[in-house]
């Protein structure tokens, strides 16, 4: 759930340093994919755990 920001920084850093398009595209795609995965983890995984274990939700 924490990889979107570092991947954005890696892609931007590569662009700044003249990195090739394949390398920057790799990190850019991971920013988008990781944002989706973050939502799935937060809502589906954590949400279902909280629903199943209300005493442990905090």
Protein backbone atom coordinates (compact mmCIF):
# COMPACT_ATOMS: atom_id res chain seq x y z
CA UNK A 1 0.00 0.00 0.00
CA UNK A 2 2.99 2.28 0.09
CA UNK A 3 4.68 1.69 -3.26
CA UNK A 4 2.82 4.22 -5.45
CA UNK A 5 4.76 7.24 -4.23
CA UNK A 6 8.23 5.67 -4.47
CA UNK A 7 7.46 4.35 -7.95
CA UNK A 8 6.37 7.84 -9.01
CA UNK A 9 9.64 9.24 -7.65
CA UNK A 10 11.67 6.58 -9.47
CA UNK A 11 9.94 7.34 -12.77
CA UNK A 12 10.36 11.09 -12.34
CA UNK A 13 13.99 10.65 -11.34
CA UNK A 14 14.69 8.53 -14.41
CA UNK A 15 13.05 11.15 -16.63
CA UNK A 16 15.13 13.89 -14.99
CA UNK A 17 18.31 11.87 -15.53
CA UNK A 18 17.46 10.96 -19.13
CA UNK A 19 16.30 7.39 -18.51
CA UNK A 20 14.85 5.50 -21.44
CA UNK A 21 11.13 5.25 -22.12
CA UNK A 22 10.89 1.56 -21.22
CA UNK A 23 12.30 2.14 -17.75
CA UNK A 24 10.10 5.16 -17.01
CA UNK A 25 7.02 3.37 -18.39
CA UNK A 26 7.70 0.45 -16.02
CA UNK A 27 7.47 2.75 -12.99
CA UNK A 28 4.57 4.78 -14.38
CA UNK A 29 2.52 1.61 -14.91
CA UNK A 30 3.29 0.49 -11.36
CA UNK A 31 1.98 3.79 -10.00
CA UNK A 32 -1.40 3.13 -11.62
CA UNK A 33 -1.51 -0.59 -10.81
CA UNK A 34 -0.39 -0.10 -7.21
CA UNK A 35 -3.08 2.54 -6.67
CA UNK A 36 -5.72 -0.02 -7.70
CA UNK A 37 -4.13 -2.72 -5.55
CA UNK A 38 -4.07 -0.31 -2.62
CA UNK A 39 -7.82 0.22 -2.90
CA UNK A 40 -8.47 -3.51 -3.15
CA UNK A 41 -6.36 -4.18 -0.07
CA UNK A 42 -7.89 -1.37 1.96
CA UNK A 43 -11.52 -2.06 1.13
CA UNK A 44 -11.77 -5.74 0.33
CA UNK A 45 -9.14 -7.29 2.55
CA UNK A 46 -9.13 -4.92 5.51
CA UNK A 47 -12.83 -4.17 5.23
CA UNK A 48 -13.82 -7.82 5.28
CA UNK A 49 -11.47 -8.45 8.21
CA UNK A 50 -13.05 -5.57 10.14
CA UNK A 51 -16.54 -6.87 9.34
CA UNK A 52 -15.62 -10.38 10.47
CA UNK A 53 -13.70 -9.22 13.56
CA UNK A 54 -15.31 -6.02 14.84
CA UNK A 55 -13.48 -6.20 18.18
CA UNK A 56 -10.12 -6.17 16.36
CA UNK A 57 -10.98 -3.51 13.78
CA UNK A 58 -9.15 -0.73 15.60
